Amino acid sequence: MTNGSSFNEFLLLAFADKWELQLLHFSLFLGIYLAALLGNGLIITAIACDHRLHTPMYFFLLNLSLLDLGSISVTVPKSMANSLWNTRAISYAGCAAQIFFFFFLCSAEFSLLTVMAYDRFVAICRPLHYGNLMGSRACVQMAAAAWASGFLYALLHTANTFSIPLCQGNVADQFFCEIPQVLKLSCSDSYLREVRLLVVSACLFFGCFIFIVVSYVQIFTAVLRIPSEQGRHKAFSMCLPHLAVVSLFISTGTFAHLKPHSISSSALDLVVAVLYAVVPPAVNPLIYSMRNKELKDALGKVIRWVQGQHQ
């Protein structure tokens, strides 16, 4: 094999060899996927239908739920289908599409989380200017910029990755296609071009991370100055869910791609990939709704309406 066009499929990493274990994997992923669909779907419906939630914070949360739905739908259904049909194959075009959409949605999500940190910063540290800085037009522009930046990054990385000659076979050591696994199949030093691009992206990622950290240092400084305990509690309840989601997103993704080679193994890589690609979209709705009374009330209305339609 001299290049990517000499084969028409990749072989993904299987969770198990025995049919019973494959069926267990299918059942677990089905449960997680349905939980993600239900949780994010309820949040999207509640925010769209309840006029009290038509605020910048919930507008960004709606976008986050859309991105979570997309990212888990890129990886999990294909893995479930492969387990059910006892196959490891994914087409060359399917692999490229999986890399593009996963990179697009994850990049857009991190950009959106950065925007959400700015929203919390303005709400708590610059409350008198919140209406001017976070108007509806500004919110739409920031959300659109997050989606557009993710799309452009994904297009650039996917085109660059699949322009590299592949001569190390077609076996990807992961349950879905991702750039590092494809680069392992490249010829000699031809992958360095994409590595340099990934380094630039990592620098931008780090810049967003620093922005989030600085924002939260200022937020917590401002919150601790609030005289009333009720005011501090309300401010913390606004920020802690977002901080938890950011921490989960960054910690799992960073460990997955920067863990030492000395502890790397196929089984560990598989577990870590599930933690950063599958778990966050399923638990994010729970994190956001756990301590948010407005959102819980809106979700309760949606659930009661659905129950009423079936009676």
Protein backbone atom coordinates (compact mmCIF):
# COMPACT_ATOMS: atom_id res chain seq x y z
CA MET A 1 0.00 0.00 0.00
CA THR A 2 1.56 3.24 -1.04
CA ASN A 3 -1.20 5.70 -0.30
CA GLY A 4 -4.68 6.12 1.12
CA SER A 5 -6.37 5.38 -2.22
CA SER A 6 -4.95 1.84 -2.36
CA PHE A 7 -7.56 0.59 0.13
CA ASN A 8 -11.20 1.50 0.56
CA GLU A 9 -11.74 0.85 4.26
CA PHE A 10 -10.18 1.04 7.72
CA LEU A 11 -10.43 -1.57 10.47
CA LEU A 12 -11.43 -0.13 13.85
CA LEU A 13 -10.55 -1.52 17.27
CA ALA A 14 -13.12 -4.01 18.54
CA PHE A 15 -14.28 -3.89 22.15
CA ALA A 16 -14.35 -7.68 22.40
CA ASP A 17 -13.94 -10.86 20.36
CA LYS A 18 -16.77 -12.88 21.91
CA TRP A 19 -20.32 -12.31 20.68
CA GLU A 20 -21.70 -12.07 24.24
CA LEU A 21 -19.26 -9.27 25.12
CA GLN A 22 -20.00 -7.50 21.84
CA LEU A 23 -23.69 -7.64 22.71
CA LEU A 24 -22.88 -6.19 26.14
CA HIS A 25 -20.92 -3.37 24.48
CA PHE A 26 -23.87 -2.71 22.16
CA SER A 27 -26.30 -2.59 25.10
CA LEU A 28 -24.09 -0.24 27.16
CA PHE A 29 -23.53 2.13 24.26
CA LEU A 30 -27.24 2.03 23.40
CA GLY A 31 -28.12 3.03 26.97
CA ILE A 32 -25.57 5.86 27.00
CA TYR A 33 -26.65 7.07 23.56
CA LEU A 34 -30.34 7.09 24.47
CA ALA A 35 -29.54 8.95 27.71
CA ALA A 36 -27.60 11.56 25.72
CA LEU A 37 -30.43 11.92 23.18
CA LEU A 38 -33.05 12.23 25.92
CA GLY A 39 -31.08 14.62 28.15
CA ASN A 40 -29.89 16.95 25.41
CA GLY A 41 -33.21 16.73 23.57
CA LEU A 42 -35.12 17.76 26.71
CA ILE A 43 -32.78 20.70 27.32
CA ILE A 44 -33.12 21.90 23.71
CA THR A 45 -36.93 21.59 23.88
CA ALA A 46 -37.19 23.27 27.29
CA ILE A 47 -35.03 26.23 26.27
CA ALA A 48 -36.78 26.65 22.92
CA CYS A 49 -40.29 26.51 24.42
CA ASP A 50 -39.90 28.44 27.68
CA HIS A 51 -39.65 32.20 27.08
CA ARG A 52 -38.08 32.68 30.55
CA LEU A 53 -35.03 30.80 29.29
CA HIS A 54 -34.52 33.03 26.25
CA THR A 55 -31.37 34.57 27.76
CA PRO A 56 -27.72 34.45 26.62
CA MET A 57 -26.74 31.75 29.12
CA TYR A 58 -29.47 29.37 27.97
CA PHE A 59 -28.97 30.26 24.30
CA PHE A 60 -25.36 29.08 24.61
CA LEU A 61 -26.49 26.01 26.56
CA LEU A 62 -28.89 25.14 23.71
CA ASN A 63 -25.96 25.33 21.27
CA LEU A 64 -23.86 23.17 23.59
CA SER A 65 -26.58 20.51 23.66
CA LEU A 66 -26.76 20.54 19.86
CA LEU A 67 -22.99 20.04 19.65
CA ASP A 68 -23.12 17.23 22.23
CA LEU A 69 -25.87 15.48 20.29
CA GLY A 70 -23.82 15.76 17.13
CA SER A 71 -20.51 14.58 18.61
CA ILE A 72 -21.92 11.45 20.24
CA SER A 73 -23.91 10.64 17.08
CA VAL A 74 -20.69 10.69 15.02
CA THR A 75 -18.97 7.90 16.98
CA VAL A 76 -21.41 5.75 18.95
CA PRO A 77 -23.96 4.52 16.34
CA LYS A 78 -21.20 3.21 14.03
CA SER A 79 -19.50 1.42 16.93
CA MET A 80 -22.83 -0.09 17.98
CA ALA A 81 -23.54 -1.26 14.41
CA ASN A 82 -20.10 -2.86 14.13
CA SER A 83 -20.62 -4.78 17.39
CA LEU A 84 -24.07 -5.92 16.32
CA TRP A 85 -22.91 -7.11 12.89
CA ASN A 86 -19.59 -8.48 14.18
CA THR A 87 -17.41 -6.34 11.94
CA ARG A 88 -14.59 -3.81 12.40
CA ALA A 89 -14.77 -2.11 9.03
CA ILE A 90 -15.48 1.53 8.23
CA SER A 91 -15.24 2.85 4.68
CA TYR A 92 -12.46 5.27 3.70
CA ALA A 93 -15.05 8.02 3.09
CA GLY A 94 -16.81 7.12 6.35
CA CYS A 95 -13.55 7.45 8.27
CA ALA A 96 -12.84 10.85 6.72
CA ALA A 97 -16.39 11.99 7.54
CA GLN A 98 -16.06 10.76 11.13
CA ILE A 99 -12.79 12.65 11.61
CA PHE A 100 -14.21 15.81 10.06
CA PHE A 101 -17.44 15.90 12.05
CA PHE A 102 -15.87 14.84 15.36
CA PHE A 103 -13.11 17.46 15.05
CA PHE A 104 -15.65 20.06 13.90
CA LEU A 105 -18.05 19.47 16.78
CA CYS A 106 -15.37 19.17 19.50
CA SER A 107 -13.54 22.30 18.30
CA ALA A 108 -16.79 24.23 18.13
CA GLU A 109 -17.73 22.98 21.61
CA PHE A 110 -14.49 24.20 23.17
CA SER A 111 -14.88 27.57 21.43
CA LEU A 112 -18.44 27.75 22.77
CA LEU A 113 -17.30 26.86 26.30
CA THR A 114 -14.84 29.77 26.04
CA VAL A 115 -17.68 32.09 24.99
CA MET A 116 -19.78 30.79 27.90
CA ALA A 117 -16.94 31.64 30.30
CA TYR A 118 -16.98 35.19 28.90
CA ASP A 119 -20.76 35.32 29.39
CA ARG A 120 -20.38 34.32 33.06
CA PHE A 121 -17.56 36.84 33.50
CA VAL A 122 -19.65 39.72 32.14
CA ALA A 123 -22.73 38.66 34.15
CA ILE A 124 -20.85 38.63 37.47
CA CYS A 125 -17.97 41.10 37.04
CA ARG A 126 -19.63 43.63 34.67
CA PRO A 127 -23.37 43.34 35.45
CA LEU A 128 -24.18 46.95 34.51
CA HIS A 129 -22.78 46.39 31.01
CA TYR A 130 -24.32 42.94 30.50
CA GLY A 131 -27.21 44.14 28.35
CA ASN A 132 -24.89 46.01 25.97
CA LEU A 133 -22.13 43.39 25.75
CA MET A 134 -24.40 40.32 25.58
CA GLY A 135 -27.24 41.53 23.36
CA SER A 136 -29.05 39.05 21.11
CA ARG A 137 -27.05 40.05 18.05
CA ALA A 138 -23.72 39.71 19.88
CA CYS A 139 -24.74 36.28 21.22
CA VAL A 140 -25.68 35.02 17.76
CA GLN A 141 -22.40 36.32 16.34
CA MET A 142 -20.33 34.63 19.08
CA ALA A 143 -22.17 31.31 18.68
CA ALA A 144 -21.81 31.51 14.88
CA ALA A 145 -18.08 32.24 15.28
CA ALA A 146 -17.71 29.13 17.47
CA TRP A 147 -19.45 26.91 14.90
CA ALA A 148 -17.58 28.49 11.96
CA SER A 149 -14.15 28.19 13.60
CA GLY A 150 -14.80 24.52 14.34
CA PHE A 151 -15.89 23.92 10.74
CA LEU A 152 -12.80 25.61 9.26
CA TYR A 153 -10.41 23.81 11.62
CA ALA A 154 -12.01 20.46 10.84
CA LEU A 155 -11.89 21.10 7.08
CA LEU A 156 -8.22 22.07 7.25
CA HIS A 157 -7.15 19.14 9.44
CA THR A 158 -9.20 16.52 7.58
CA ALA A 159 -7.95 17.62 4.15
CA ASN A 160 -4.38 17.73 5.43
CA THR A 161 -4.58 14.33 7.16
CA PHE A 162 -5.99 12.51 4.15
CA SER A 163 -3.50 14.10 1.74
CA ILE A 164 -0.72 12.22 3.59
CA PRO A 165 0.38 8.89 2.03
CA LEU A 166 -0.55 5.88 4.20
CA CYS A 167 1.70 2.84 4.03
CA GLN A 168 1.40 1.21 7.47
CA GLY A 169 -1.75 -0.76 6.77
CA ASN A 170 -5.34 0.22 7.50
CA VAL A 171 -5.83 -0.86 11.14
CA ALA A 172 -6.80 2.04 13.45
CA ASP A 173 -6.25 1.29 17.14
CA GLN A 174 -9.41 3.04 18.25
CA PHE A 175 -13.17 2.38 18.16
CA PHE A 176 -13.66 5.41 15.90
CA CYS A 177 -11.50 7.27 13.39
CA GLU A 178 -9.42 10.14 14.77
CA ILE A 179 -6.42 12.02 13.45
CA PRO A 180 -3.66 10.54 15.72
CA GLN A 181 -4.64 7.00 14.72
CA VAL A 182 -4.57 7.81 11.01
CA LEU A 183 -1.19 9.58 11.37
CA LYS A 184 0.24 6.34 12.83
CA LEU A 185 -0.45 4.73 9.44
CA SER A 186 1.44 7.41 7.49
CA CYS A 187 4.76 6.97 5.70
CA SER A 188 8.03 8.04 7.39
CA ASP A 189 8.12 11.83 7.92
CA SER A 190 5.15 12.71 5.74
CA TYR A 191 2.95 13.19 8.82
CA LEU A 192 5.04 16.10 10.16
CA ARG A 193 2.99 18.65 8.20
CA GLU A 194 -0.17 17.67 10.06
CA VAL A 195 1.72 17.49 13.35
CA ARG A 196 2.81 21.11 12.90
CA LEU A 197 -0.81 22.05 12.23
CA LEU A 198 -1.89 20.19 15.37
CA VAL A 199 0.74 22.11 17.38
CA VAL A 200 -0.71 25.42 16.14
CA SER A 201 -4.20 24.21 17.12
CA ALA A 202 -2.89 23.15 20.54
CA CYS A 203 -1.51 26.68 21.06
CA LEU A 204 -4.92 28.17 20.22
CA PHE A 205 -6.55 25.61 22.52
CA PHE A 206 -4.16 26.64 25.30
CA GLY A 207 -4.97 30.31 24.66
CA CYS A 208 -8.69 29.58 25.17
CA PHE A 209 -7.86 27.58 28.28
CA ILE A 210 -5.89 30.51 29.76
CA PHE A 211 -8.81 32.84 28.94
CA ILE A 212 -11.21 30.54 30.82
CA VAL A 213 -8.86 30.28 33.82
CA VAL A 214 -8.33 34.06 34.02
CA SER A 215 -12.08 34.64 33.67
CA TYR A 216 -12.84 32.30 36.56
CA VAL A 217 -10.14 33.79 38.78
CA GLN A 218 -11.84 37.16 38.35
CA ILE A 219 -15.31 35.62 38.74
CA PHE A 220 -14.47 33.91 42.04
CA THR A 221 -12.73 37.05 43.31
CA ALA A 222 -15.91 39.04 42.57
CA VAL A 223 -18.19 36.38 44.06
CA LEU A 224 -16.28 36.27 47.35
CA ARG A 225 -16.81 40.01 47.68
CA ILE A 226 -20.61 39.63 47.55
CA PRO A 227 -21.81 40.43 51.11
CA SER A 228 -24.88 38.16 51.24
CA GLU A 229 -24.61 34.39 51.44
CA GLN A 230 -27.66 34.03 49.18
CA GLY A 231 -26.00 36.19 46.52
CA ARG A 232 -22.80 34.13 46.67
CA HIS A 233 -24.79 30.90 46.43
CA LYS A 234 -26.70 32.15 43.36
CA ALA A 235 -23.48 33.26 41.65
CA PHE A 236 -21.76 29.95 42.34
CA SER A 237 -24.80 27.98 41.08
CA MET A 238 -24.55 29.92 37.80
CA CYS A 239 -20.84 29.16 37.34
CA LEU A 240 -20.14 25.72 38.82
CA PRO A 241 -22.01 23.66 36.16
CA HIS A 242 -20.08 25.38 33.37
CA LEU A 243 -16.81 24.93 35.27
CA ALA A 244 -17.58 21.22 35.79
CA VAL A 245 -18.31 20.71 32.06
CA VAL A 246 -15.11 22.56 31.07
CA SER A 247 -13.05 20.50 33.54
CA LEU A 248 -14.51 17.22 32.24
CA PHE A 249 -13.96 18.22 28.61
CA ILE A 250 -10.36 19.39 29.11
CA SER A 251 -9.18 16.71 31.55
CA THR A 252 -10.42 13.71 29.54
CA GLY A 253 -9.30 15.12 26.17
CA THR A 254 -5.87 16.17 27.48
CA PHE A 255 -5.20 12.83 29.17
CA ALA A 256 -6.30 10.94 26.05
CA HIS A 257 -3.80 12.70 23.80
CA LEU A 258 -0.95 13.57 26.20
CA LYS A 259 -0.72 10.48 28.41
CA PRO A 260 2.76 8.90 28.68
CA HIS A 261 3.56 6.16 26.15
CA SER A 262 4.80 4.01 29.04
CA ILE A 263 1.23 3.50 30.29
CA SER A 264 -0.37 3.33 26.85
CA SER A 265 -2.19 0.16 25.78
CA SER A 266 -5.10 -0.68 23.51
CA ALA A 267 -7.40 -1.36 26.48
CA LEU A 268 -6.47 1.91 28.24
CA ASP A 269 -6.76 3.90 25.00
CA LEU A 270 -10.23 2.44 24.52
CA VAL A 271 -11.39 3.36 28.03
CA VAL A 272 -9.95 6.88 27.80
CA ALA A 273 -11.56 7.41 24.38
CA VAL A 274 -14.95 6.46 25.83
CA LEU A 275 -14.37 8.90 28.70
CA TYR A 276 -13.70 11.88 26.44
CA ALA A 277 -15.84 11.05 23.38
CA VAL A 278 -18.91 9.32 24.87
CA VAL A 279 -19.34 10.25 28.53
CA PRO A 280 -19.37 14.11 28.40
CA PRO A 281 -22.30 14.43 25.95
CA ALA A 282 -24.32 12.07 28.14
CA VAL A 283 -23.56 13.69 31.52
CA ASN A 284 -23.51 17.38 30.50
CA PRO A 285 -27.34 17.69 30.65
CA LEU A 286 -27.29 16.19 34.16
CA ILE A 287 -24.55 18.59 35.30
CA TYR A 288 -26.40 21.65 34.01
CA SER A 289 -29.83 20.70 35.33
CA MET A 290 -28.75 19.41 38.75
CA ARG A 291 -28.52 22.79 40.52
CA ASN A 292 -30.49 24.99 38.15
CA LYS A 293 -34.03 25.57 39.41
CA GLU A 294 -35.18 27.49 36.31
CA LEU A 295 -34.02 24.71 34.01
CA LYS A 296 -35.48 21.98 36.23
CA ASP A 297 -38.86 23.76 36.25
CA ALA A 298 -38.80 24.08 32.44
CA LEU A 299 -37.80 20.42 32.04
CA GLY A 300 -40.63 19.44 34.40
CA LYS A 301 -43.12 21.31 32.21
CA VAL A 302 -41.86 19.54 29.08
CA ILE A 303 -42.06 16.12 30.75
CA ARG A 304 -45.58 16.80 32.07
CA TRP A 305 -46.65 17.96 28.60
CA VAL A 306 -45.28 14.77 27.01
CA GLN A 307 -47.02 12.64 29.63
CA GLY A 308 -50.26 14.51 29.01
CA GLN A 309 -50.05 13.78 25.28
CA HIS A 310 -49.87 10.03 26.00
CA GLN A 311 -52.82 9.88 28.37
